[in-house]
PDB file of N, CA and C in Angstrom:
ATOM      1  N   MET A   1       1.209 -24.908   3.948  1.00  0.00           N
ATOM      2  CA  MET A   1       0.972 -24.896   5.490  1.00  0.00           C
ATOM      3  C   MET A   1      -0.816 -24.878   5.351  1.00  0.00           C
ATOM      4  N   LYS A   2      -1.227 -25.873   5.948  1.00  0.00           N
ATOM      5  CA  LYS A   2      -2.648 -26.081   6.253  1.00  0.00           C
ATOM      6  C   LYS A   2      -3.195 -24.985   7.014  1.00  0.00           C
ATOM      7  N   THR A   3      -4.528 -24.525   7.059  1.00  0.00           N
ATOM      8  CA  THR A   3      -5.076 -23.597   7.730  1.00  0.00           C
ATOM      9  C   THR A   3      -6.006 -24.265   8.870  1.00  0.00           C
ATOM     10  N   CYS A   4      -5.901 -23.774   9.865  1.00  0.00           N
ATOM     11  CA  CYS A   4      -6.669 -24.325  10.913  1.00  0.00           C
ATOM     12  C   CYS A   4      -7.957 -23.359  11.354  1.00  0.00           C
ATOM     13  N   LYS A   5      -9.056 -24.086  11.675  1.00  0.00           N
ATOM     14  CA  LYS A   5     -10.241 -23.635  12.016  1.00  0.00           C
ATOM     15  C   LYS A   5     -10.204 -23.431  13.742  1.00  0.00           C
ATOM     16  N   ILE A   6     -10.334 -22.191  14.077  1.00  0.00           N
ATOM     17  CA  ILE A   6     -10.432 -21.973  15.468  1.00  0.00           C
ATOM     18  C   ILE A   6     -11.773 -21.582  15.830  1.00  0.00           C
ATOM     19  N   THR A   7     -12.450 -22.313  16.868  1.00  0.00           N
ATOM     20  CA  THR A   7     -13.889 -21.902  17.346  1.00  0.00           C
ATOM     21  C   THR A   7     -13.909 -21.760  18.734  1.00  0.00           C
ATOM     22  N   VAL A   8     -14.539 -20.601  18.968  1.00  0.00           N
ATOM     23  CA  VAL A   8     -14.634 -20.317  20.311  1.00  0.00           C
ATOM     24  C   VAL A   8     -15.821 -21.151  21.113  1.00  0.00           C
ATOM     25  N   LEU A   9     -15.304 -22.028  21.858  1.00  0.00           N
ATOM     26  CA  LEU A   9     -16.044 -22.902  22.643  1.00  0.00           C
ATOM     27  C   LEU A   9     -16.843 -22.634  23.824  1.00  0.00           C
ATOM     28  N   LYS A  10     -16.140 -21.699  24.405  1.00  0.00           N
ATOM     29  CA  LYS A  10     -16.486 -21.163  25.914  1.00  0.00           C
ATOM     30  C   LYS A  10     -15.885 -19.883  26.226  1.00  0.00           C
ATOM     31  N   THR A  11     -16.284 -18.970  27.036  1.00  0.00           N
ATOM     32  CA  THR A  11     -15.763 -17.923  27.473  1.00  0.00           C
ATOM     33  C   THR A  11     -15.669 -17.538  28.881  1.00  0.00           C
ATOM     34  N   LEU A  12     -14.913 -17.558  29.575  1.00  0.00           N
ATOM     35  CA  LEU A  12     -14.873 -17.979  31.205  1.00  0.00           C
ATOM     36  C   LEU A  12     -14.349 -16.723  31.961  1.00  0.00           C
ATOM     37  N   MET A  13     -14.823 -16.766  33.282  1.00  0.00           N
ATOM     38  CA  MET A  13     -14.247 -15.610  34.026  1.00  0.00           C
ATOM     39  C   MET A  13     -14.137 -16.373  35.488  1.00  0.00           C
ATOM     40  N   MET A  14     -13.223 -16.223  36.094  1.00  0.00           N
ATOM     41  CA  MET A  14     -12.957 -16.870  37.335  1.00  0.00           C
ATOM     42  C   MET A  14     -13.424 -15.991  38.240  1.00  0.00           C
ATOM     43  N   ASP A  15     -14.572 -15.943  38.896  1.00  0.00           N
ATOM     44  CA  ASP A  15     -15.237 -14.734  39.730  1.00  0.00           C
ATOM     45  C   ASP A  15     -14.466 -14.833  41.047  1.00  0.00           C
ATOM     46  N   ASP A  16     -14.106 -15.985  41.616  1.00  0.00           N
ATOM     47  CA  ASP A  16     -13.192 -15.989  42.843  1.00  0.00           C
ATOM     48  C   ASP A  16     -11.926 -15.229  42.661  1.00  0.00           C
ATOM     49  N   LEU A  17     -11.470 -15.422  41.555  1.00  0.00           N
ATOM     50  CA  LEU A  17      -9.871 -14.720  41.462  1.00  0.00           C
ATOM     51  C   LEU A  17     -10.086 -13.425  41.091  1.00  0.00           C
ATOM     52  N   ALA A  18     -11.163 -13.095  40.258  1.00  0.00           N
ATOM     53  CA  ALA A  18     -11.368 -11.882  39.812  1.00  0.00           C
ATOM     54  C   ALA A  18     -11.851 -10.956  41.125  1.00  0.00           C
ATOM     55  N   LYS A  19     -12.616 -11.328  41.987  1.00  0.00           N
ATOM     56  CA  LYS A  19     -13.065 -10.617  43.207  1.00  0.00           C
ATOM     57  C   LYS A  19     -11.772 -10.610  44.229  1.00  0.00           C
ATOM     58  N   GLU A  20     -10.807 -11.482  44.322  1.00  0.00           N
ATOM     59  CA  GLU A  20      -9.645 -11.210  45.038  1.00  0.00           C
ATOM     60  C   GLU A  20      -8.682 -10.455  44.436  1.00  0.00           C
ATOM     61  N   HIS A  21      -8.421 -10.369  43.051  1.00  0.00           N
ATOM     62  CA  HIS A  21      -7.241  -9.528  42.677  1.00  0.00           C
ATOM     63  C   HIS A  21      -7.672  -8.401  41.599  1.00  0.00           C
ATOM     64  N   ALA A  22      -8.596  -8.400  40.908  1.00  0.00           N
ATOM     65  CA  ALA A  22      -9.052  -7.582  40.031  1.00  0.00           C
ATOM     66  C   ALA A  22      -9.934  -6.336  40.463  1.00  0.00           C
ATOM     67  N   SER A  23      -9.991  -5.218  39.851  1.00  0.00           N
ATOM     68  CA  SER A  23     -10.889  -4.163  40.154  1.00  0.00           C
ATOM     69  C   SER A  23     -12.535  -4.456  40.087  1.00  0.00           C
ATOM     70  N   ASP A  24     -13.237  -3.597  40.626  1.00  0.00           N
ATOM     71  CA  ASP A  24     -14.655  -3.787  40.599  1.00  0.00           C
ATOM     72  C   ASP A  24     -15.402  -3.888  39.284  1.00  0.00           C
ATOM     73  N   THR A  25     -14.693  -3.309  38.445  1.00  0.00           N
ATOM     74  CA  THR A  25     -15.225  -3.167  37.209  1.00  0.00           C
ATOM     75  C   THR A  25     -14.640  -4.068  36.184  1.00  0.00           C
ATOM     76  N   PHE A  26     -13.909  -4.998  36.282  1.00  0.00           N
ATOM     77  CA  PHE A  26     -13.337  -6.156  35.859  1.00  0.00           C
ATOM     78  C   PHE A  26     -14.484  -6.966  35.208  1.00  0.00           C
ATOM     79  N   THR A  27     -14.293  -7.547  34.035  1.00  0.00           N
ATOM     80  CA  THR A  27     -15.427  -8.235  33.654  1.00  0.00           C
ATOM     81  C   THR A  27     -14.694  -9.388  32.623  1.00  0.00           C
ATOM     82  N   LYS A  28     -15.622 -10.543  32.087  1.00  0.00           N
ATOM     83  CA  LYS A  28     -14.708 -11.296  31.101  1.00  0.00           C
ATOM     84  C   LYS A  28     -14.655 -10.320  29.857  1.00  0.00           C
ATOM     85  N   CYS A  29     -13.684 -10.910  29.098  1.00  0.00           N
ATOM     86  CA  CYS A  29     -13.285 -10.332  27.801  1.00  0.00           C
ATOM     87  C   CYS A  29     -14.588 -10.411  26.889  1.00  0.00           C
ATOM     88  N   PRO A  30     -14.864  -9.128  26.220  1.00  0.00           N
ATOM     89  CA  PRO A  30     -15.924  -8.870  25.421  1.00  0.00           C
ATOM     90  C   PRO A  30     -15.663  -9.037  23.913  1.00  0.00           C
ATOM     91  N   GLN A  31     -14.498  -9.436  23.809  1.00  0.00           N
ATOM     92  CA  GLN A  31     -13.975  -9.562  22.326  1.00  0.00           C
ATOM     93  C   GLN A  31     -14.630 -10.746  21.564  1.00  0.00           C
ATOM     94  N   HIS A  32     -14.872 -11.893  22.285  1.00  0.00           N
ATOM     95  CA  HIS A  32     -15.296 -13.185  21.564  1.00  0.00           C
ATOM     96  C   HIS A  32     -16.520 -13.427  22.215  1.00  0.00           C
ATOM     97  N   ARG A  33     -17.357 -14.248  21.058  1.00  0.00           N
ATOM     98  CA  ARG A  33     -18.657 -14.812  21.658  1.00  0.00           C
ATOM     99  C   ARG A  33     -18.480 -16.361  21.329  1.00  0.00           C
ATOM    100  N   VAL A  34     -19.026 -17.160  22.203  1.00  0.00           N
ATOM    101  CA  VAL A  34     -19.203 -18.655  21.877  1.00  0.00           C
ATOM    102  C   VAL A  34     -19.715 -18.851  20.370  1.00  0.00           C
ATOM    103  N   GLY A  35     -19.032 -19.486  19.630  1.00  0.00           N
ATOM    104  CA  GLY A  35     -19.351 -19.706  18.155  1.00  0.00           C
ATOM    105  C   GLY A  35     -18.555 -19.172  17.421  1.00  0.00           C
ATOM    106  N   ASP A  36     -18.001 -17.975  17.703  1.00  0.00           N
ATOM    107  CA  ASP A  36     -16.942 -17.318  16.817  1.00  0.00           C
ATOM    108  C   ASP A  36     -16.084 -18.396  15.960  1.00  0.00           C
ATOM    109  N   VAL A  37     -15.828 -17.975  14.899  1.00  0.00           N
ATOM    110  CA  VAL A  37     -14.944 -18.975  14.184  1.00  0.00           C
ATOM    111  C   VAL A  37     -13.831 -17.858  13.475  1.00  0.00           C
ATOM    112  N   PHE A  38     -12.524 -18.380  13.368  1.00  0.00           N
ATOM    113  CA  PHE A  38     -11.508 -17.860  12.796  1.00  0.00           C
ATOM    114  C   PHE A  38     -10.611 -18.714  12.142  1.00  0.00           C
ATOM    115  N   LEU A  39      -9.945 -18.472  10.904  1.00  0.00           N
ATOM    116  CA  LEU A  39      -8.971 -19.241  10.282  1.00  0.00           C
ATOM    117  C   LEU A  39      -7.662 -18.996  10.547  1.00  0.00           C
ATOM    118  N   GLY A  40      -6.622 -19.689  10.958  1.00  0.00           N
ATOM    119  CA  GLY A  40      -5.517 -19.336  11.142  1.00  0.00           C
ATOM    120  C   GLY A  40      -4.437 -20.257  10.864  1.00  0.00           C
ATOM    121  N   SER A  41      -2.980 -19.741  10.658  1.00  0.00           N
ATOM    122  CA  SER A  41      -1.917 -20.908  10.442  1.00  0.00           C
ATOM    123  C   SER A  41      -0.835 -20.387  11.483  1.00  0.00           C
ATOM    124  N   TYR A  42       0.157 -19.392  10.848  1.00  0.00           N
ATOM    125  CA  TYR A  42       1.256 -19.025  11.770  1.00  0.00           C
ATOM    126  C   TYR A  42       1.020 -17.578  12.213  1.00  0.00           C
ATOM    127  N   ALA A  43      -0.114 -16.932  11.581  1.00  0.00           N
ATOM    128  CA  ALA A  43      -0.431 -15.410  12.172  1.00  0.00           C
ATOM    129  C   ALA A  43      -1.583 -15.299  12.808  1.00  0.00           C
ATOM    130  N   LYS A  44      -1.742 -14.459  13.718  1.00  0.00           N
ATOM    131  CA  LYS A  44      -2.830 -14.195  14.361  1.00  0.00           C
ATOM    132  C   LYS A  44      -4.060 -13.635  13.401  1.00  0.00           C
ATOM    133  N   PRO A  45      -5.069 -14.409  13.398  1.00  0.00           N
ATOM    134  CA  PRO A  45      -6.338 -14.142  12.474  1.00  0.00           C
ATOM    135  C   PRO A  45      -6.865 -12.566  12.851  1.00  0.00           C
ATOM    136  N   ASP A  46      -7.138 -11.806  11.981  1.00  0.00           N
ATOM    137  CA  ASP A  46      -7.673 -10.630  12.007  1.00  0.00           C
ATOM    138  C   ASP A  46      -8.850 -10.668  13.072  1.00  0.00           C
ATOM    139  N   GLY A  47      -8.921  -9.668  13.969  1.00  0.00           N
ATOM    140  CA  GLY A  47     -10.062  -9.692  14.971  1.00  0.00           C
ATOM    141  C   GLY A  47      -9.915 -10.712  16.044  1.00  0.00           C
ATOM    142  N   PHE A  48      -8.677 -11.382  16.028  1.00  0.00           N
ATOM    143  CA  PHE A  48      -8.590 -12.238  17.222  1.00  0.00           C
ATOM    144  C   PHE A  48      -7.830 -11.575  18.482  1.00  0.00           C
ATOM    145  N   CYS A  49      -8.333 -12.091  19.717  1.00  0.00           N
ATOM    146  CA  CYS A  49      -7.654 -11.495  20.728  1.00  0.00           C
ATOM    147  C   CYS A  49      -6.206 -11.747  20.937  1.00  0.00           C
ATOM    148  N   ASP A  50      -5.278 -10.604  21.337  1.00  0.00           N
ATOM    149  CA  ASP A  50      -4.020 -10.857  21.334  1.00  0.00           C
ATOM    150  C   ASP A  50      -3.845 -12.075  22.528  1.00  0.00           C
ATOM    151  N   GLU A  51      -4.373 -11.840  23.720  1.00  0.00           N
ATOM    152  CA  GLU A  51      -4.188 -12.759  24.770  1.00  0.00           C
ATOM    153  C   GLU A  51      -4.612 -14.122  24.493  1.00  0.00           C
ATOM    154  N   ALA A  52      -5.742 -14.118  23.770  1.00  0.00           N
ATOM    155  CA  ALA A  52      -6.101 -15.553  23.384  1.00  0.00           C
ATOM    156  C   ALA A  52      -5.131 -16.313  22.673  1.00  0.00           C
ATOM    157  N   TRP A  53      -4.762 -15.496  21.536  1.00  0.00           N
ATOM    158  CA  TRP A  53      -3.812 -15.822  20.602  1.00  0.00           C
ATOM    159  C   TRP A  53      -2.495 -16.344  21.238  1.00  0.00           C
ATOM    160  N   LYS A  54      -1.974 -15.632  22.312  1.00  0.00           N
ATOM    161  CA  LYS A  54      -0.976 -16.169  23.027  1.00  0.00           C
ATOM    162  C   LYS A  54      -0.817 -17.550  23.557  1.00  0.00           C
ATOM    163  N   ALA A  55      -2.120 -17.649  24.171  1.00  0.00           N
ATOM    164  CA  ALA A  55      -2.372 -19.027  24.686  1.00  0.00           C
ATOM    165  C   ALA A  55      -2.541 -20.067  23.776  1.00  0.00           C
ATOM    166  N   ILE A  56      -2.824 -20.179  22.413  1.00  0.00           N
ATOM    167  CA  ILE A  56      -3.172 -21.053  21.525  1.00  0.00           C
ATOM    168  C   ILE A  56      -2.331 -21.286  20.300  1.00  0.00           C
ATOM    169  N   TYR A  57      -1.422 -19.870  20.278  1.00  0.00           N
ATOM    170  CA  TYR A  57      -0.782 -19.954  18.737  1.00  0.00           C
ATOM    171  C   TYR A  57       0.189 -21.083  18.447  1.00  0.00           C
ATOM    172  N   GLN A  58       0.786 -21.997  19.495  1.00  0.00           N
ATOM    173  CA  GLN A  58       1.626 -22.909  19.490  1.00  0.00           C
ATOM    174  C   GLN A  58       0.821 -24.228  18.941  1.00  0.00           C
ATOM    175  N   TYR A  59      -0.335 -24.457  19.416  1.00  0.00           N
ATOM    176  CA  TYR A  59      -0.877 -25.649  18.789  1.00  0.00           C
ATOM    177  C   TYR A  59      -1.613 -25.388  17.279  1.00  0.00           C
ATOM    178  N   VAL A  60      -1.907 -23.986  16.885  1.00  0.00           N
ATOM    179  CA  VAL A  60      -2.355 -23.569  15.739  1.00  0.00           C
ATOM    180  C   VAL A  60      -1.277 -23.735  14.825  1.00  0.00           C
ATOM    181  N   PHE A  61      -0.147 -23.322  15.337  1.00  0.00           N
ATOM    182  CA  PHE A  61       1.114 -23.532  14.421  1.00  0.00           C
ATOM    183  C   PHE A  61       1.536 -25.065  14.119  1.00  0.00           C
ATOM    184  N   ALA A  62       1.577 -25.785  15.148  1.00  0.00           N
ATOM    185  CA  ALA A  62       1.682 -27.406  14.941  1.00  0.00           C
ATOM    186  C   ALA A  62       0.772 -27.996  14.161  1.00  0.00           C
ATOM    187  N   LEU A  63      -0.351 -27.617  14.573  1.00  0.00           N
ATOM    188  CA  LEU A  63      -1.685 -28.166  13.728  1.00  0.00           C
ATOM    189  C   LEU A  63      -1.516 -27.891  12.137  1.00  0.00           C
ATOM    190  N   SER A  64      -1.254 -26.727  12.011  1.00  0.00           N
ATOM    191  CA  SER A  64      -0.951 -25.957  10.507  1.00  0.00           C
ATOM    192  C   SER A  64       0.248 -26.690   9.732  1.00  0.00           C
ATOM    193  N   ASN A  65       1.048 -27.256  10.463  1.00  0.00           N
ATOM    194  CA  ASN A  65       2.390 -27.767   9.950  1.00  0.00           C
ATOM    195  C   ASN A  65       2.097 -29.372  10.158  1.00  0.00           C
ATOM    196  N   GLN A  66       1.175 -29.914  10.485  1.00  0.00           N
ATOM    197  CA  GLN A  66       0.637 -31.418  10.775  1.00  0.00           C
ATOM    198  C   GLN A  66       1.821 -31.865  11.458  1.00  0.00           C
ATOM    199  N   THR A  67       2.407 -31.513  12.655  1.00  0.00           N
ATOM    200  CA  THR A  67       3.403 -32.007  13.204  1.00  0.00           C
ATOM    201  C   THR A  67       3.060 -32.519  14.513  1.00  0.00           C
ATOM    202  N   ALA A  68       1.762 -32.372  14.939  1.00  0.00           N
ATOM    203  CA  ALA A  68       1.515 -32.896  16.338  1.00  0.00           C
ATOM    204  C   ALA A  68       0.441 -33.701  16.315  1.00  0.00           C
ATOM    205  N   ASP A  69       0.238 -34.457  17.371  1.00  0.00           N
ATOM    206  CA  ASP A  69      -0.803 -35.205  17.666  1.00  0.00           C
ATOM    207  C   ASP A  69      -1.112 -34.817  19.065  1.00  0.00           C
ATOM    208  N   PHE A  70      -2.277 -34.130  19.447  1.00  0.00           N
ATOM    209  CA  PHE A  70      -2.962 -33.448  20.424  1.00  0.00           C
ATOM    210  C   PHE A  70      -3.896 -34.562  21.137  1.00  0.00           C
ATOM    211  N   SER A  71      -3.877 -35.810  21.130  1.00  0.00           N
ATOM    212  CA  SER A  71      -4.669 -36.882  21.571  1.00  0.00           C
ATOM    213  C   SER A  71      -4.458 -36.467  23.098  1.00  0.00           C
ATOM    214  N   PHE A  72      -3.426 -36.169  23.744  1.00  0.00           N
ATOM    215  CA  PHE A  72      -2.949 -36.100  25.091  1.00  0.00           C
ATOM    216  C   PHE A  72      -3.448 -37.334  25.872  1.00  0.00           C
ATOM    217  N   LYS A  73      -2.817 -38.391  25.503  1.00  0.00           N
ATOM    218  CA  LYS A  73      -3.090 -39.827  25.860  1.00  0.00           C
ATOM    219  C   LYS A  73      -4.550 -40.172  26.293  1.00  0.00           C
ATOM    220  N   GLY A  74      -5.378 -39.834  25.260  1.00  0.00           N
ATOM    221  CA  GLY A  74      -6.923 -40.165  25.340  1.00  0.00           C
ATOM    222  C   GLY A  74      -7.561 -38.957  25.846  1.00  0.00           C
ATOM    223  N   TRP A  75      -7.253 -37.834  25.910  1.00  0.00           N
ATOM    224  CA  TRP A  75      -8.137 -36.653  26.313  1.00  0.00           C
ATOM    225  C   TRP A  75      -8.730 -36.121  25.100  1.00  0.00           C
ATOM    226  N   VAL A  76      -8.122 -36.176  23.953  1.00  0.00           N
ATOM    227  CA  VAL A  76      -8.973 -35.474  22.892  1.00  0.00           C
ATOM    228  C   VAL A  76      -9.105 -36.732  21.908  1.00  0.00           C
ATOM    229  N   GLU A  77     -10.435 -36.951  21.548  1.00  0.00           N
ATOM    230  CA  GLU A  77     -10.880 -38.123  20.588  1.00  0.00           C
ATOM    231  C   GLU A  77     -10.565 -37.871  19.350  1.00  0.00           C
ATOM    232  N   THR A  78     -10.938 -36.488  18.984  1.00  0.00           N
ATOM    233  CA  THR A  78     -10.839 -36.333  17.650  1.00  0.00           C
ATOM    234  C   THR A  78      -9.463 -35.751  17.050  1.00  0.00           C
ATOM    235  N   PRO A  79      -8.901 -36.700  16.099  1.00  0.00           N
ATOM    236  CA  PRO A  79      -7.601 -36.375  15.520  1.00  0.00           C
ATOM    237  C   PRO A  79      -7.441 -34.941  14.987  1.00  0.00           C
ATOM    238  N   GLY A  80      -6.314 -34.460  15.027  1.00  0.00           N
ATOM    239  CA  GLY A  80      -6.172 -33.202  14.658  1.00  0.00           C
ATOM    240  C   GLY A  80      -6.922 -31.913  15.363  1.00  0.00           C
ATOM    241  N   THR A  81      -7.115 -32.166  16.709  1.00  0.00           N
ATOM    242  CA  THR A  81      -7.904 -31.021  17.089  1.00  0.00           C
ATOM    243  C   THR A  81      -7.163 -30.882  18.551  1.00  0.00           C
ATOM    244  N   ALA A  82      -7.107 -29.618  19.071  1.00  0.00           N
ATOM    245  CA  ALA A  82      -6.484 -29.170  20.362  1.00  0.00           C
ATOM    246  C   ALA A  82      -7.611 -28.407  21.057  1.00  0.00           C
ATOM    247  N   ILE A  83      -7.851 -28.595  22.354  1.00  0.00           N
ATOM    248  CA  ILE A  83      -8.902 -27.934  23.146  1.00  0.00           C
ATOM    249  C   ILE A  83      -7.931 -27.007  24.105  1.00  0.00           C
TER     250      ILE A  83
END
């Protein structure tokens, strides 16, 4: 099984949704910083956010097994990359 490099490209918080639905103390997740790098395959890398892993694990697994093309009909130009 191939290992995938996972890079944090951006951290986001939807201020409008947070204002409408979250408490006043709600902030964007402090666990990751832009530029953080992890290596993964089938298991969540140590120190990786559980919720972020739930969002990307299927892509990491597929890329690790070289079973998927994530070009999304031209959306992603770099082969072997999912964003």
